[in-house]
Structure formats: C-alpha cells, structure tokens
Amino acid sequence: MTFRVELITPANVEAAMKVNVRPEQERFVSPVATSLAEAYAYGEAAWPRLILDGDRPVGFLMAFLNIDWDGKGVDFRSGLWRLNVVPEAQGRGVGRFAVEVVAAEVRRRGERRIYVTWEPGEDGPEGFYRRLGFELTGETSGGETVGVLDLGEVPSGDRPF
C-alpha cells in the first residue's frame, strides 16, 4: 500500500466523485460532489484531496483549516471535515492515513489540535475515531458529536500524527 493524496483538479475530479462508501454508511457522510461544492464556497479554508493507493482512487478527504464555525471570531478550528473510503479499501489503513495527512497539514500551519464530527449510530465512524485517540469534547454540531485529537507540542516525527 502506497497511499498518497492529490489536490482535486480537472484531471481527477471525475475519479474523486466516483469515491462512494458502502450503502449502509451513506447516511454518515456526504457525497464527494457535495463536499466539493462546499469546498468551493469556503475557498482556502477547505482542503479537499483525493486519496490514492498507487494510481487507484481509494478515498476522499476534506480538511477545514482555521474556520470560525461559531461566526463570533472566537473559536477558530481545524480538522477533518469529510472522509469517504471505497468499500474495498476499508480496513486497510486509508482512514488512518487520512487523519495523519490532516494532522500533518494542521501541524504545519502551527496548530496543535484537530477536530472531527460524526453522526452517532450503528455502522457509524465513532469507534474508528475513538481508536485513533479522538476524545469527546462534550459539544455537538448540527446534531453530530464533536471529537478532538491533541497533537501535542512534540515534533511531528515523534508521534504517529
């Protein structure tokens, strides 16, 4: 497995939009096309990427970078906004890789925490995020649970994230 990410471009946008999750997971994540529309609307605060295994598309991630979610200019956050992994690649480390990529980008920008939200429910992603170390914040956002992962103060080479 040689995972890598690419910026979404005219050359790969069609491949990105073909990244779909298992039918029972569809209620937990928006389609890539919706994410790309939001990326357009949020401009540089959105960071969409196609995840490839070699040359084969296996996932899509979108980070949010320094967004003021409450609109009050007080609580700016960064983290993983969307994660879609094709069924045949699930359980092979694609999701972990996506979190690592987002953590590295957030750390590169000088921040030390990443956030994620998820809809609670059977077949949902809560267990995945909790196994990676995300802690519950006690907050909700649009009915979704908010988790945070502290990246610490150590150099990026000393931690998996």
Protein backbone atom coordinates (compact mmCIF):
# COMPACT_ATOMS: atom_id res chain seq x y z
CA MET A 1 0.00 0.00 0.00
CA THR A 2 1.46 3.27 -1.12
CA PHE A 3 -1.12 5.84 -0.13
CA ARG A 4 -0.76 9.42 -1.23
CA VAL A 5 -3.01 12.44 -1.66
CA GLU A 6 -3.55 14.72 -4.63
CA LEU A 7 -5.18 18.11 -4.91
CA ILE A 8 -8.53 17.87 -6.70
CA THR A 9 -8.00 19.15 -10.25
CA PRO A 10 -9.88 18.97 -13.56
CA ALA A 11 -7.79 15.88 -14.34
CA ASN A 12 -9.02 13.88 -11.32
CA VAL A 13 -12.34 15.43 -10.29
CA GLU A 14 -14.37 12.70 -12.03
CA ALA A 15 -12.37 9.98 -10.24
CA ALA A 16 -12.92 11.79 -6.93
CA MET A 17 -16.69 11.96 -7.46
CA LYS A 18 -16.77 8.19 -8.02
CA VAL A 19 -15.49 7.56 -4.47
CA ASN A 20 -18.52 6.09 -2.72
CA VAL A 21 -18.90 4.38 0.65
CA ARG A 22 -20.91 1.26 1.48
CA PRO A 23 -24.70 1.81 1.22
CA GLU A 24 -25.20 1.47 5.00
CA GLN A 25 -22.61 4.23 5.55
CA GLU A 26 -24.16 6.78 3.19
CA ARG A 27 -26.20 8.42 5.95
CA PHE A 28 -22.98 9.24 7.83
CA VAL A 29 -21.08 11.13 5.13
CA SER A 30 -21.93 13.48 2.29
CA PRO A 31 -21.18 12.55 -1.30
CA VAL A 32 -17.92 13.89 -2.69
CA ALA A 33 -19.81 16.22 -5.06
CA THR A 34 -21.45 17.93 -2.05
CA SER A 35 -18.05 18.27 -0.36
CA LEU A 36 -16.56 19.82 -3.49
CA ALA A 37 -19.39 22.35 -3.65
CA GLU A 38 -18.73 23.27 -0.01
CA ALA A 39 -15.00 23.50 -0.75
CA TYR A 40 -15.80 25.99 -3.49
CA ALA A 41 -17.96 28.02 -1.12
CA TYR A 42 -15.40 28.03 1.72
CA GLY A 43 -12.40 28.78 -0.51
CA GLU A 44 -8.98 28.27 1.05
CA ALA A 45 -10.47 27.23 4.39
CA ALA A 46 -11.44 23.90 2.76
CA TRP A 47 -8.71 21.45 1.79
CA PRO A 48 -10.11 18.65 -0.45
CA ARG A 49 -7.82 15.80 -1.54
CA LEU A 50 -8.15 12.54 -3.45
CA ILE A 51 -6.54 9.57 -1.71
CA LEU A 52 -4.78 7.12 -3.99
CA ASP A 53 -3.26 3.69 -3.48
CA GLY A 54 -0.68 3.74 -6.24
CA ASP A 55 -2.78 5.17 -9.05
CA ARG A 56 -6.12 3.79 -7.85
CA PRO A 57 -8.55 6.18 -6.10
CA VAL A 58 -9.45 4.70 -2.70
CA GLY A 59 -10.77 7.69 -0.79
CA PHE A 60 -11.51 11.35 -0.46
CA LEU A 61 -10.76 13.65 2.44
CA MET A 62 -11.54 17.26 3.08
CA ALA A 63 -9.98 19.21 5.91
CA PHE A 64 -11.17 22.51 7.30
CA LEU A 65 -8.42 24.94 8.16
CA ASN A 66 -8.84 27.71 10.69
CA ILE A 67 -12.61 28.12 10.27
CA ASP A 68 -14.66 30.25 12.64
CA TRP A 69 -17.56 27.81 13.00
CA ASP A 70 -19.49 29.84 15.55
CA GLY A 71 -19.21 33.03 13.49
CA LYS A 72 -18.16 35.06 16.52
CA GLY A 73 -14.47 35.35 15.73
CA VAL A 74 -13.53 33.50 18.90
CA ASP A 75 -13.33 29.77 18.21
CA PHE A 76 -11.24 29.05 15.13
CA ARG A 77 -10.67 25.35 14.49
CA SER A 78 -9.08 22.97 12.02
CA GLY A 79 -9.66 19.29 11.39
CA LEU A 80 -11.14 16.55 9.27
CA TRP A 81 -14.38 17.64 7.64
CA ARG A 82 -15.08 14.68 5.36
CA LEU A 83 -13.71 11.20 4.88
CA ASN A 84 -15.04 8.79 2.25
CA VAL A 85 -13.31 5.44 1.68
CA VAL A 86 -14.35 2.99 -1.05
CA PRO A 87 -15.67 -0.32 0.35
CA GLU A 88 -12.84 -2.50 -0.96
CA ALA A 89 -10.23 -0.28 0.74
CA GLN A 90 -11.92 -0.05 4.14
CA GLY A 91 -9.94 -1.67 6.94
CA ARG A 92 -6.64 -1.25 5.08
CA GLY A 93 -5.38 1.94 6.76
CA VAL A 94 -6.82 4.53 4.39
CA GLY A 95 -8.74 6.32 7.16
CA ARG A 96 -5.75 6.36 9.49
CA PHE A 97 -3.62 7.71 6.64
CA ALA A 98 -6.21 10.47 6.02
CA VAL A 99 -6.13 11.53 9.68
CA GLU A 100 -2.31 11.56 9.59
CA VAL A 101 -2.32 13.74 6.46
CA VAL A 102 -4.74 16.23 8.02
CA ALA A 103 -2.78 16.24 11.30
CA ALA A 104 0.44 16.96 9.40
CA GLU A 105 -1.14 19.86 7.49
CA VAL A 106 -2.69 21.33 10.64
CA ARG A 107 0.64 21.00 12.50
CA ARG A 108 2.45 22.60 9.53
CA ARG A 109 0.15 25.60 9.96
CA GLY A 110 1.11 25.89 13.63
CA GLU A 111 -1.93 24.38 15.29
CA ARG A 112 -1.88 21.59 17.87
CA ARG A 113 -5.41 20.14 17.75
CA ILE A 114 -7.61 18.62 15.10
CA TYR A 115 -11.35 18.26 15.32
CA VAL A 116 -13.83 15.92 13.69
CA THR A 117 -17.59 15.44 13.92
CA TRP A 118 -19.64 12.30 13.40
CA GLU A 119 -23.24 11.28 13.47
CA PRO A 120 -23.83 8.73 16.22
CA GLY A 121 -25.26 5.39 15.17
CA GLU A 122 -24.66 1.78 14.30
CA ASP A 123 -22.20 1.45 11.39
CA GLY A 124 -21.02 5.00 12.12
CA PRO A 125 -17.41 6.13 12.44
CA GLU A 126 -17.27 6.85 16.19
CA GLY A 127 -15.29 3.71 17.06
CA PHE A 128 -12.77 4.45 14.34
CA TYR A 129 -12.14 7.99 15.55
CA ARG A 130 -12.01 6.95 19.20
CA ARG A 131 -9.43 4.22 18.42
CA LEU A 132 -7.25 6.89 16.83
CA GLY A 133 -7.33 8.89 20.05
CA PHE A 134 -10.07 11.45 19.44
CA GLU A 135 -11.69 12.47 22.71
CA LEU A 136 -15.25 13.71 23.12
CA THR A 137 -15.45 17.47 23.69
CA GLY A 138 -18.97 17.35 25.13
CA GLU A 139 -20.14 19.55 22.26
CA THR A 140 -22.40 18.81 19.35
CA SER A 141 -22.52 20.50 15.97
CA GLY A 142 -25.67 20.17 13.92
CA GLY A 143 -26.61 17.08 15.93
CA GLU A 144 -23.21 15.48 15.40
CA THR A 145 -20.71 14.55 18.10
CA VAL A 146 -17.52 16.64 18.23
CA GLY A 147 -14.18 14.96 18.88
CA VAL A 148 -10.71 16.45 19.31
CA LEU A 149 -7.24 14.99 18.98
CA ASP A 150 -4.43 16.80 20.78
CA LEU A 151 -1.32 16.73 18.60
CA GLY A 152 0.86 17.88 21.48
CA GLU A 153 3.94 20.03 21.37
CA VAL A 154 6.37 17.37 20.14
CA PRO A 155 7.88 17.45 16.64
CA SER A 156 5.78 15.60 14.09
CA GLY A 157 8.36 12.82 13.65
CA ASP A 158 7.93 11.77 17.30
CA ARG A 159 4.22 10.93 17.09
CA PRO A 160 2.13 8.90 14.67
CA PHE A 161 0.14 12.07 13.97
